[in-house]
């Protein structure tokens, strides 16, 4: 699935089942909440915190998909084409950082 297809699929789901998009500020709050849930799993599974029993059955991929879902909602309701934005972002990073990380001793 392309980003364009994902944006269309989310929009169709919202119009079919969700009645309407939540406001942009509500979706921003939801995005923050979803990123927090993702951070909790990563901090406990891969970081220094010990994983609680209640966290062990949490699905990392599902939490990432929740973040993506809300981000796509925000893109749709603000008129952002994520394909174009992502392509421009890759180009920007490539021009800016083409040699930057190769010389970073912390990464070698």
PDB file of N, CA and C in Angstrom:
ATOM      1  N   UNK A   1       0.842  -1.175   0.000  1.00  0.00           N
ATOM      2  CA  UNK A   1       0.000   0.000   0.000  1.00  0.00           C
ATOM      3  C   UNK A   1       0.890   1.241   0.000  1.00  0.00           C
ATOM      4  N   UNK A   2       0.583   2.178  -0.859  1.00  0.00           N
ATOM      5  CA  UNK A   2       1.323   3.432  -0.900  1.00  0.00           C
ATOM      6  C   UNK A   2       0.780   4.382   0.164  1.00  0.00           C
ATOM      7  N   UNK A   3       1.504   5.456   0.417  1.00  0.00           N
ATOM      8  CA  UNK A   3       1.006   6.472   1.346  1.00  0.00           C
ATOM      9  C   UNK A   3      -0.291   7.089   0.820  1.00  0.00           C
ATOM     10  N   UNK A   4      -0.341   7.304  -0.493  1.00  0.00           N
ATOM     11  CA  UNK A   4      -1.559   7.865  -1.095  1.00  0.00           C
ATOM     12  C   UNK A   4      -2.751   6.930  -0.874  1.00  0.00           C
ATOM     13  N   UNK A   5      -2.535   5.642  -1.062  1.00  0.00           N
ATOM     14  CA  UNK A   5      -3.608   4.665  -0.830  1.00  0.00           C
ATOM     15  C   UNK A   5      -3.999   4.625   0.641  1.00  0.00           C
ATOM     16  N   UNK A   6      -3.021   4.730   1.527  1.00  0.00           N
ATOM     17  CA  UNK A   6      -3.315   4.739   2.964  1.00  0.00           C
ATOM     18  C   UNK A   6      -4.156   5.962   3.327  1.00  0.00           C
ATOM     19  N   UNK A   7      -3.801   7.117   2.767  1.00  0.00           N
ATOM     20  CA  UNK A   7      -4.589   8.320   3.033  1.00  0.00           C
ATOM     21  C   UNK A   7      -6.027   8.155   2.545  1.00  0.00           C
ATOM     22  N   UNK A   8      -6.196   7.563   1.373  1.00  0.00           N
ATOM     23  CA  UNK A   8      -7.544   7.348   0.834  1.00  0.00           C
ATOM     24  C   UNK A   8      -8.316   6.340   1.682  1.00  0.00           C
ATOM     25  N   UNK A   9      -7.643   5.295   2.125  1.00  0.00           N
ATOM     26  CA  UNK A   9      -8.312   4.267   2.922  1.00  0.00           C
ATOM     27  C   UNK A   9      -8.752   4.810   4.278  1.00  0.00           C
ATOM     28  N   UNK A  10      -7.909   5.601   4.912  1.00  0.00           N
ATOM     29  CA  UNK A  10      -8.284   6.218   6.189  1.00  0.00           C
ATOM     30  C   UNK A  10      -9.468   7.164   5.975  1.00  0.00           C
ATOM     31  N   UNK A  11      -9.416   7.955   4.920  1.00  0.00           N
ATOM     32  CA  UNK A  11     -10.513   8.886   4.648  1.00  0.00           C
ATOM     33  C   UNK A  11     -11.824   8.140   4.420  1.00  0.00           C
ATOM     34  N   UNK A  12     -11.781   7.053   3.669  1.00  0.00           N
ATOM     35  CA  UNK A  12     -12.981   6.253   3.442  1.00  0.00           C
ATOM     36  C   UNK A  12     -13.500   5.675   4.749  1.00  0.00           C
ATOM     37  N   UNK A  13     -12.598   5.183   5.598  1.00  0.00           N
ATOM     38  CA  UNK A  13     -13.017   4.615   6.885  1.00  0.00           C
ATOM     39  C   UNK A  13     -13.685   5.685   7.743  1.00  0.00           C
ATOM     40  N   UNK A  14     -13.089   6.864   7.795  1.00  0.00           N
ATOM     41  CA  UNK A  14     -13.656   7.953   8.599  1.00  0.00           C
ATOM     42  C   UNK A  14     -15.053   8.299   8.096  1.00  0.00           C
ATOM     43  N   UNK A  15     -15.209   8.435   6.783  1.00  0.00           N
ATOM     44  CA  UNK A  15     -16.513   8.791   6.221  1.00  0.00           C
ATOM     45  C   UNK A  15     -17.533   7.677   6.387  1.00  0.00           C
ATOM     46  N   UNK A  16     -17.085   6.413   6.418  1.00  0.00           N
ATOM     47  CA  UNK A  16     -17.993   5.273   6.520  1.00  0.00           C
ATOM     48  C   UNK A  16     -18.353   4.944   7.967  1.00  0.00           C
ATOM     49  N   UNK A  17     -17.368   4.938   8.841  1.00  0.00           N
ATOM     50  CA  UNK A  17     -17.571   4.474  10.219  1.00  0.00           C
ATOM     51  C   UNK A  17     -17.357   5.547  11.282  1.00  0.00           C
ATOM     52  N   UNK A  18     -16.567   6.539  10.987  1.00  0.00           N
ATOM     53  CA  UNK A  18     -16.165   7.489  12.018  1.00  0.00           C
ATOM     54  C   UNK A  18     -17.001   8.750  12.086  1.00  0.00           C
ATOM     55  N   UNK A  19     -17.983   8.874  11.239  1.00  0.00           N
ATOM     56  CA  UNK A  19     -18.873  10.038  11.129  1.00  0.00           C
ATOM     57  C   UNK A  19     -18.116  11.242  10.567  1.00  0.00           C
ATOM     58  N   UNK A  20     -17.060  11.691  11.243  1.00  0.00           N
ATOM     59  CA  UNK A  20     -16.233  12.805  10.773  1.00  0.00           C
ATOM     60  C   UNK A  20     -14.888  12.721  11.478  1.00  0.00           C
ATOM     61  N   UNK A  21     -13.924  13.504  10.987  1.00  0.00           N
ATOM     62  CA  UNK A  21     -12.642  13.598  11.669  1.00  0.00           C
ATOM     63  C   UNK A  21     -12.828  14.335  12.990  1.00  0.00           C
ATOM     64  N   UNK A  22     -12.078  13.928  13.997  1.00  0.00           N
ATOM     65  CA  UNK A  22     -11.981  14.749  15.202  1.00  0.00           C
ATOM     66  C   UNK A  22     -11.270  16.040  14.805  1.00  0.00           C
ATOM     67  N   UNK A  23     -11.383  17.066  15.610  1.00  0.00           N
ATOM     68  CA  UNK A  23     -10.689  18.319  15.300  1.00  0.00           C
ATOM     69  C   UNK A  23      -9.177  18.076  15.263  1.00  0.00           C
ATOM     70  N   UNK A  24      -8.491  18.964  14.589  1.00  0.00           N
ATOM     71  CA  UNK A  24      -7.034  18.842  14.475  1.00  0.00           C
ATOM     72  C   UNK A  24      -6.365  18.822  15.850  1.00  0.00           C
ATOM     73  N   UNK A  25      -6.831  19.656  16.757  1.00  0.00           N
ATOM     74  CA  UNK A  25      -6.226  19.687  18.091  1.00  0.00           C
ATOM     75  C   UNK A  25      -6.524  18.414  18.871  1.00  0.00           C
ATOM     76  N   UNK A  26      -7.728  17.862  18.712  1.00  0.00           N
ATOM     77  CA  UNK A  26      -8.029  16.584  19.350  1.00  0.00           C
ATOM     78  C   UNK A  26      -7.136  15.497  18.776  1.00  0.00           C
ATOM     79  N   UNK A  27      -6.975  15.485  17.450  1.00  0.00           N
ATOM     80  CA  UNK A  27      -6.102  14.478  16.840  1.00  0.00           C
ATOM     81  C   UNK A  27      -4.643  14.662  17.265  1.00  0.00           C
ATOM     82  N   UNK A  28      -4.213  15.888  17.476  1.00  0.00           N
ATOM     83  CA  UNK A  28      -2.862  16.111  17.988  1.00  0.00           C
ATOM     84  C   UNK A  28      -2.719  15.504  19.383  1.00  0.00           C
ATOM     85  N   UNK A  29      -3.721  15.687  20.218  1.00  0.00           N
ATOM     86  CA  UNK A  29      -3.693  15.089  21.559  1.00  0.00           C
ATOM     87  C   UNK A  29      -3.693  13.564  21.471  1.00  0.00           C
ATOM     88  N   UNK A  30      -4.489  13.012  20.574  1.00  0.00           N
ATOM     89  CA  UNK A  30      -4.530  11.566  20.389  1.00  0.00           C
ATOM     90  C   UNK A  30      -3.184  11.059  19.873  1.00  0.00           C
ATOM     91  N   UNK A  31      -2.570  11.794  18.937  1.00  0.00           N
ATOM     92  CA  UNK A  31      -1.260  11.409  18.425  1.00  0.00           C
ATOM     93  C   UNK A  31      -0.232  11.371  19.555  1.00  0.00           C
ATOM     94  N   UNK A  32      -0.267  12.360  20.408  1.00  0.00           N
ATOM     95  CA  UNK A  32       0.646  12.401  21.553  1.00  0.00           C
ATOM     96  C   UNK A  32       0.424  11.193  22.465  1.00  0.00           C
ATOM     97  N   UNK A  33      -0.824  10.864  22.693  1.00  0.00           N
ATOM     98  CA  UNK A  33      -1.155   9.695  23.515  1.00  0.00           C
ATOM     99  C   UNK A  33      -0.632   8.408  22.873  1.00  0.00           C
ATOM    100  N   UNK A  34      -0.835   8.263  21.578  1.00  0.00           N
ATOM    101  CA  UNK A  34      -0.388   7.053  20.886  1.00  0.00           C
ATOM    102  C   UNK A  34       1.139   6.949  20.873  1.00  0.00           C
ATOM    103  N   UNK A  35       1.832   8.074  20.684  1.00  0.00           N
ATOM    104  CA  UNK A  35       3.294   8.065  20.728  1.00  0.00           C
ATOM    105  C   UNK A  35       3.750   7.674  22.132  1.00  0.00           C
ATOM    106  N   UNK A  36       3.050   8.123  23.152  1.00  0.00           N
ATOM    107  CA  UNK A  36       3.371   7.738  24.528  1.00  0.00           C
ATOM    108  C   UNK A  36       3.233   6.244  24.747  1.00  0.00           C
ATOM    109  N   UNK A  37       2.186   5.652  24.193  1.00  0.00           N
ATOM    110  CA  UNK A  37       2.005   4.201  24.317  1.00  0.00           C
ATOM    111  C   UNK A  37       3.131   3.459  23.612  1.00  0.00           C
ATOM    112  N   UNK A  38       3.536   3.944  22.451  1.00  0.00           N
ATOM    113  CA  UNK A  38       4.656   3.348  21.729  1.00  0.00           C
ATOM    114  C   UNK A  38       5.948   3.502  22.534  1.00  0.00           C
ATOM    115  N   UNK A  39       6.157   4.673  23.085  1.00  0.00           N
ATOM    116  CA  UNK A  39       7.365   4.931  23.878  1.00  0.00           C
ATOM    117  C   UNK A  39       7.427   4.015  25.099  1.00  0.00           C
ATOM    118  N   UNK A  40       6.305   3.768  25.716  1.00  0.00           N
ATOM    119  CA  UNK A  40       6.264   2.889  26.892  1.00  0.00           C
ATOM    120  C   UNK A  40       6.766   1.485  26.544  1.00  0.00           C
ATOM    121  N   UNK A  41       6.276   0.955  25.428  1.00  0.00           N
ATOM    122  CA  UNK A  41       6.707  -0.379  25.015  1.00  0.00           C
ATOM    123  C   UNK A  41       8.199  -0.381  24.701  1.00  0.00           C
ATOM    124  N   UNK A  42       8.656   0.599  23.927  1.00  0.00           N
ATOM    125  CA  UNK A  42      10.066   0.643  23.547  1.00  0.00           C
ATOM    126  C   UNK A  42      10.975   0.818  24.750  1.00  0.00           C
ATOM    127  N   UNK A  43      10.587   1.680  25.683  1.00  0.00           N
ATOM    128  CA  UNK A  43      11.412   1.925  26.867  1.00  0.00           C
ATOM    129  C   UNK A  43      11.534   0.683  27.728  1.00  0.00           C
ATOM    130  N   UNK A  44      10.472  -0.083  27.776  1.00  0.00           N
ATOM    131  CA  UNK A  44      10.480  -1.270  28.648  1.00  0.00           C
ATOM    132  C   UNK A  44      11.010  -2.512  27.947  1.00  0.00           C
ATOM    133  N   UNK A  45      10.789  -2.608  26.671  1.00  0.00           N
ATOM    134  CA  UNK A  45      11.232  -3.793  25.942  1.00  0.00           C
ATOM    135  C   UNK A  45      12.679  -3.672  25.475  1.00  0.00           C
ATOM    136  N   UNK A  46      13.083  -2.466  25.087  1.00  0.00           N
ATOM    137  CA  UNK A  46      14.417  -2.273  24.521  1.00  0.00           C
ATOM    138  C   UNK A  46      15.285  -1.326  25.339  1.00  0.00           C
ATOM    139  N   UNK A  47      14.684  -0.606  26.259  1.00  0.00           N
ATOM    140  CA  UNK A  47      15.418   0.352  27.076  1.00  0.00           C
ATOM    141  C   UNK A  47      15.785  -0.222  28.425  1.00  0.00           C
ATOM    142  N   UNK A  48      16.016   0.655  29.357  1.00  0.00           N
ATOM    143  CA  UNK A  48      16.504   0.253  30.668  1.00  0.00           C
ATOM    144  C   UNK A  48      15.413  -0.102  31.666  1.00  0.00           C
ATOM    145  N   UNK A  49      14.183   0.282  31.386  1.00  0.00           N
ATOM    146  CA  UNK A  49      13.105  -0.055  32.310  1.00  0.00           C
ATOM    147  C   UNK A  49      12.753  -1.532  32.188  1.00  0.00           C
ATOM    148  N   UNK A  50      12.354  -2.119  33.302  1.00  0.00           N
ATOM    149  CA  UNK A  50      11.893  -3.509  33.239  1.00  0.00           C
ATOM    150  C   UNK A  50      10.450  -3.520  32.742  1.00  0.00           C
ATOM    151  N   UNK A  51      10.157  -4.540  31.968  1.00  0.00           N
ATOM    152  CA  UNK A  51       8.829  -4.657  31.369  1.00  0.00           C
ATOM    153  C   UNK A  51       7.849  -5.203  32.390  1.00  0.00           C
ATOM    154  N   UNK A  52       6.736  -4.518  32.547  1.00  0.00           N
ATOM    155  CA  UNK A  52       5.692  -4.994  33.442  1.00  0.00           C
ATOM    156  C   UNK A  52       4.940  -6.132  32.766  1.00  0.00           C
ATOM    157  N   UNK A  53       4.362  -6.983  33.554  1.00  0.00           N
ATOM    158  CA  UNK A  53       3.602  -8.103  32.994  1.00  0.00           C
ATOM    159  C   UNK A  53       2.484  -7.593  32.084  1.00  0.00           C
ATOM    160  N   UNK A  54       1.872  -6.464  32.448  1.00  0.00           N
ATOM    161  CA  UNK A  54       0.776  -5.914  31.644  1.00  0.00           C
ATOM    162  C   UNK A  54       1.253  -5.383  30.293  1.00  0.00           C
ATOM    163  N   UNK A  55       2.564  -5.142  30.161  1.00  0.00           N
ATOM    164  CA  UNK A  55       3.113  -4.641  28.900  1.00  0.00           C
ATOM    165  C   UNK A  55       3.532  -5.757  27.957  1.00  0.00           C
ATOM    166  N   UNK A  56       3.718  -6.943  28.451  1.00  0.00           N
ATOM    167  CA  UNK A  56       4.309  -8.017  27.662  1.00  0.00           C
ATOM    168  C   UNK A  56       3.449  -8.458  26.487  1.00  0.00           C
ATOM    169  N   UNK A  57       2.156  -8.275  26.580  1.00  0.00           N
ATOM    170  CA  UNK A  57       1.278  -8.689  25.483  1.00  0.00           C
ATOM    171  C   UNK A  57       0.933  -7.537  24.545  1.00  0.00           C
ATOM    172  N   UNK A  58       1.529  -6.384  24.766  1.00  0.00           N
ATOM    173  CA  UNK A  58       1.250  -5.238  23.899  1.00  0.00           C
ATOM    174  C   UNK A  58       1.975  -5.426  22.583  1.00  0.00           C
ATOM    175  N   UNK A  59       1.292  -5.121  21.524  1.00  0.00           N
ATOM    176  CA  UNK A  59       1.778  -5.353  20.165  1.00  0.00           C
ATOM    177  C   UNK A  59       2.473  -4.095  19.644  1.00  0.00           C
ATOM    178  N   UNK A  60       3.781  -4.165  19.512  1.00  0.00           N
ATOM    179  CA  UNK A  60       4.572  -3.026  19.056  1.00  0.00           C
ATOM    180  C   UNK A  60       4.107  -2.542  17.678  1.00  0.00           C
ATOM    181  N   UNK A  61       3.889  -3.466  16.766  1.00  0.00           N
ATOM    182  CA  UNK A  61       3.458  -3.092  15.411  1.00  0.00           C
ATOM    183  C   UNK A  61       2.105  -2.390  15.441  1.00  0.00           C
ATOM    184  N   UNK A  62       1.195  -2.856  16.278  1.00  0.00           N
ATOM    185  CA  UNK A  62      -0.124  -2.239  16.380  1.00  0.00           C
ATOM    186  C   UNK A  62      -0.018  -0.817  16.926  1.00  0.00           C
ATOM    187  N   UNK A  63       0.871  -0.622  17.888  1.00  0.00           N
ATOM    188  CA  UNK A  63       1.059   0.725  18.434  1.00  0.00           C
ATOM    189  C   UNK A  63       1.653   1.659  17.381  1.00  0.00           C
ATOM    190  N   UNK A  64       2.580   1.155  16.574  1.00  0.00           N
ATOM    191  CA  UNK A  64       3.132   1.964  15.485  1.00  0.00           C
ATOM    192  C   UNK A  64       2.038   2.300  14.473  1.00  0.00           C
ATOM    193  N   UNK A  65       1.178   1.347  14.182  1.00  0.00           N
ATOM    194  CA  UNK A  65       0.079   1.583  13.237  1.00  0.00           C
ATOM    195  C   UNK A  65      -0.899   2.620  13.790  1.00  0.00           C
ATOM    196  N   UNK A  66      -1.127   2.619  15.110  1.00  0.00           N
ATOM    197  CA  UNK A  66      -1.985   3.643  15.716  1.00  0.00           C
ATOM    198  C   UNK A  66      -1.404   5.039  15.501  1.00  0.00           C
ATOM    199  N   UNK A  67      -0.094   5.172  15.666  1.00  0.00           N
ATOM    200  CA  UNK A  67       0.576   6.459  15.437  1.00  0.00           C
ATOM    201  C   UNK A  67       0.399   6.873  13.975  1.00  0.00           C
ATOM    202  N   UNK A  68       0.636   5.934  13.066  1.00  0.00           N
ATOM    203  CA  UNK A  68       0.507   6.221  11.640  1.00  0.00           C
ATOM    204  C   UNK A  68      -0.921   6.623  11.286  1.00  0.00           C
ATOM    205  N   UNK A  69      -1.902   5.931  11.842  1.00  0.00           N
ATOM    206  CA  UNK A  69      -3.314   6.222  11.584  1.00  0.00           C
ATOM    207  C   UNK A  69      -3.637   7.680  11.917  1.00  0.00           C
ATOM    208  N   UNK A  70      -3.265   8.110  13.112  1.00  0.00           N
ATOM    209  CA  UNK A  70      -3.604   9.474  13.527  1.00  0.00           C
ATOM    210  C   UNK A  70      -2.819  10.498  12.714  1.00  0.00           C
ATOM    211  N   UNK A  71      -1.581  10.192  12.387  1.00  0.00           N
ATOM    212  CA  UNK A  71      -0.799  11.083  11.543  1.00  0.00           C
ATOM    213  C   UNK A  71      -1.454  11.228  10.170  1.00  0.00           C
ATOM    214  N   UNK A  72      -1.959  10.135   9.628  1.00  0.00           N
ATOM    215  CA  UNK A  72      -2.659  10.191   8.341  1.00  0.00           C
ATOM    216  C   UNK A  72      -3.942  11.009   8.471  1.00  0.00           C
ATOM    217  N   UNK A  73      -4.654  10.851   9.574  1.00  0.00           N
ATOM    218  CA  UNK A  73      -5.852  11.676   9.796  1.00  0.00           C
ATOM    219  C   UNK A  73      -5.495  13.154   9.758  1.00  0.00           C
ATOM    220  N   UNK A  74      -4.440  13.533  10.457  1.00  0.00           N
ATOM    221  CA  UNK A  74      -4.014  14.933  10.474  1.00  0.00           C
ATOM    222  C   UNK A  74      -3.611  15.403   9.079  1.00  0.00           C
ATOM    223  N   UNK A  75      -2.915  14.561   8.341  1.00  0.00           N
ATOM    224  CA  UNK A  75      -2.532  14.926   6.971  1.00  0.00           C
ATOM    225  C   UNK A  75      -3.775  15.139   6.116  1.00  0.00           C
ATOM    226  N   UNK A  76      -4.722  14.220   6.205  1.00  0.00           N
ATOM    227  CA  UNK A  76      -5.942  14.340   5.396  1.00  0.00           C
ATOM    228  C   UNK A  76      -6.706  15.620   5.703  1.00  0.00           C
ATOM    229  N   UNK A  77      -6.871  15.915   6.970  1.00  0.00           N
ATOM    230  CA  UNK A  77      -7.715  17.049   7.315  1.00  0.00           C
ATOM    231  C   UNK A  77      -7.011  18.393   7.152  1.00  0.00           C
ATOM    232  N   UNK A  78      -5.699  18.383   6.961  1.00  0.00           N
ATOM    233  CA  UNK A  78      -4.976  19.640   6.730  1.00  0.00           C
ATOM    234  C   UNK A  78      -4.490  19.763   5.293  1.00  0.00           C
ATOM    235  N   UNK A  79      -4.847  18.789   4.449  1.00  0.00           N
ATOM    236  CA  UNK A  79      -4.520  18.863   3.030  1.00  0.00           C
ATOM    237  C   UNK A  79      -3.079  18.529   2.682  1.00  0.00           C
ATOM    238  N   UNK A  80      -2.416  17.767   3.528  1.00  0.00           N
ATOM    239  CA  UNK A  80      -1.027  17.379   3.265  1.00  0.00           C
ATOM    240  C   UNK A  80      -1.002  16.073   2.483  1.00  0.00           C
ATOM    241  N   UNK A  81      -0.310  16.078   1.362  1.00  0.00           N
ATOM    242  CA  UNK A  81      -0.070  14.856   0.598  1.00  0.00           C
ATOM    243  C   UNK A  81       1.202  14.234   1.164  1.00  0.00           C
ATOM    244  N   UNK A  82       1.058  13.142   1.899  1.00  0.00           N
ATOM    245  CA  UNK A  82       2.205  12.542   2.575  1.00  0.00           C
ATOM    246  C   UNK A  82       3.249  11.993   1.611  1.00  0.00           C
ATOM    247  N   UNK A  83       2.826  11.540   0.442  1.00  0.00           N
ATOM    248  CA  UNK A  83       3.795  11.061  -0.542  1.00  0.00           C
ATOM    249  C   UNK A  83       4.723  12.192  -0.957  1.00  0.00           C
ATOM    250  N   UNK A  84       4.144  13.317  -1.335  1.00  0.00           N
ATOM    251  CA  UNK A  84       4.953  14.475  -1.734  1.00  0.00           C
ATOM    252  C   UNK A  84       5.819  14.956  -0.569  1.00  0.00           C
ATOM    253  N   UNK A  85       5.217  15.052   0.603  1.00  0.00           N
ATOM    254  CA  UNK A  85       5.952  15.546   1.772  1.00  0.00           C
ATOM    255  C   UNK A  85       7.120  14.630   2.111  1.00  0.00           C
ATOM    256  N   UNK A  86       6.894  13.326   2.043  1.00  0.00           N
ATOM    257  CA  UNK A  86       7.949  12.371   2.392  1.00  0.00           C
ATOM    258  C   UNK A  86       9.079  12.395   1.357  1.00  0.00           C
ATOM    259  N   UNK A  87       8.717  12.474   0.079  1.00  0.00           N
ATOM    260  CA  UNK A  87       9.739  12.552  -0.970  1.00  0.00           C
ATOM    261  C   UNK A  87      10.592  13.808  -0.804  1.00  0.00           C
ATOM    262  N   UNK A  88       9.953  14.943  -0.506  1.00  0.00           N
ATOM    263  CA  UNK A  88      10.694  16.189  -0.279  1.00  0.00           C
ATOM    264  C   UNK A  88      11.572  16.072   0.963  1.00  0.00           C
ATOM    265  N   UNK A  89      11.075  15.387   1.982  1.00  0.00           N
ATOM    266  CA  UNK A  89      11.831  15.230   3.219  1.00  0.00           C
ATOM    267  C   UNK A  89      13.074  14.374   3.004  1.00  0.00           C
ATOM    268  N   UNK A  90      12.944  13.308   2.228  1.00  0.00           N
ATOM    269  CA  UNK A  90      14.103  12.459   1.916  1.00  0.00           C
ATOM    270  C   UNK A  90      15.137  13.271   1.133  1.00  0.00           C
ATOM    271  N   UNK A  91      14.675  14.054   0.166  1.00  0.00           N
ATOM    272  CA  UNK A  91      15.585  14.879  -0.619  1.00  0.00           C
ATOM    273  C   UNK A  91      16.311  15.883   0.281  1.00  0.00           C
ATOM    274  N   UNK A  92      15.576  16.525   1.182  1.00  0.00           N
ATOM    275  CA  UNK A  92      16.178  17.492   2.106  1.00  0.00           C
ATOM    276  C   UNK A  92      17.244  16.830   2.971  1.00  0.00           C
ATOM    277  N   UNK A  93      16.923  15.681   3.530  1.00  0.00           N
ATOM    278  CA  UNK A  93      17.872  14.967   4.391  1.00  0.00           C
ATOM    279  C   UNK A  93      19.104  14.509   3.598  1.00  0.00           C
ATOM    280  N   UNK A  94      18.883  14.086   2.374  1.00  0.00           N
ATOM    281  CA  UNK A  94      19.996  13.617   1.544  1.00  0.00           C
ATOM    282  C   UNK A  94      20.952  14.771   1.235  1.00  0.00           C
ATOM    283  N   UNK A  95      20.399  15.915   0.847  1.00  0.00           N
ATOM    284  CA  UNK A  95      21.247  17.072   0.551  1.00  0.00           C
ATOM    285  C   UNK A  95      21.970  17.551   1.808  1.00  0.00           C
ATOM    286  N   UNK A  96      21.277  17.595   2.910  1.00  0.00           N
ATOM    287  CA  UNK A  96      21.835  18.137   4.143  1.00  0.00           C
ATOM    288  C   UNK A  96      22.820  17.186   4.816  1.00  0.00           C
ATOM    289  N   UNK A  97      22.525  15.898   4.763  1.00  0.00           N
ATOM    290  CA  UNK A  97      23.263  14.933   5.588  1.00  0.00           C
ATOM    291  C   UNK A  97      24.046  13.895   4.788  1.00  0.00           C
ATOM    292  N   UNK A  98      24.310  14.169   3.522  1.00  0.00           N
ATOM    293  CA  UNK A  98      24.975  13.175   2.666  1.00  0.00           C
ATOM    294  C   UNK A  98      26.271  12.655   3.269  1.00  0.00           C
ATOM    295  N   UNK A  99      27.021  13.501   3.935  1.00  0.00           N
ATOM    296  CA  UNK A  99      28.298  13.083   4.523  1.00  0.00           C
ATOM    297  C   UNK A  99      28.312  13.192   6.045  1.00  0.00           C
ATOM    298  N   UNK A 100      27.339  13.842   6.599  1.00  0.00           N
ATOM    299  CA  UNK A 100      27.327  14.181   8.033  1.00  0.00           C
ATOM    300  C   UNK A 100      27.493  12.983   8.945  1.00  0.00           C
ATOM    301  N   UNK A 101      26.768  11.920   8.729  1.00  0.00           N
ATOM    302  CA  UNK A 101      26.763  10.790   9.658  1.00  0.00           C
ATOM    303  C   UNK A 101      27.956   9.850   9.458  1.00  0.00           C
ATOM    304  N   UNK A 102      28.518   9.886   8.263  1.00  0.00           N
ATOM    305  CA  UNK A 102      29.656   9.000   7.975  1.00  0.00           C
ATOM    306  C   UNK A 102      30.856   9.335   8.859  1.00  0.00           C
ATOM    307  N   UNK A 103      30.996  10.583   9.229  1.00  0.00           N
ATOM    308  CA  UNK A 103      32.118  10.998  10.053  1.00  0.00           C
ATOM    309  C   UNK A 103      31.836  10.997  11.547  1.00  0.00           C
ATOM    310  N   UNK A 104      30.673  10.545  11.937  1.00  0.00           N
ATOM    311  CA  UNK A 104      30.295  10.543  13.355  1.00  0.00           C
ATOM    312  C   UNK A 104      30.881   9.306  14.038  1.00  0.00           C
ATOM    313  N   UNK A 105      31.856   9.517  14.887  1.00  0.00           N
ATOM    314  CA  UNK A 105      32.528   8.403  15.567  1.00  0.00           C
ATOM    315  C   UNK A 105      31.555   7.614  16.455  1.00  0.00           C
ATOM    316  N   UNK A 106      30.510   8.257  16.935  1.00  0.00           N
ATOM    317  CA  UNK A 106      29.524   7.580  17.780  1.00  0.00           C
ATOM    318  C   UNK A 106      28.769   6.496  17.029  1.00  0.00           C
ATOM    319  N   UNK A 107      28.715   6.617  15.710  1.00  0.00           N
ATOM    320  CA  UNK A 107      27.973   5.651  14.902  1.00  0.00           C
ATOM    321  C   UNK A 107      28.840   4.553  14.331  1.00  0.00           C
ATOM    322  N   UNK A 108      30.150   4.708  14.406  1.00  0.00           N
ATOM    323  CA  UNK A 108      31.055   3.709  13.835  1.00  0.00           C
ATOM    324  C   UNK A 108      31.540   2.744  14.883  1.00  0.00           C
TER     325      UNK A 108
END
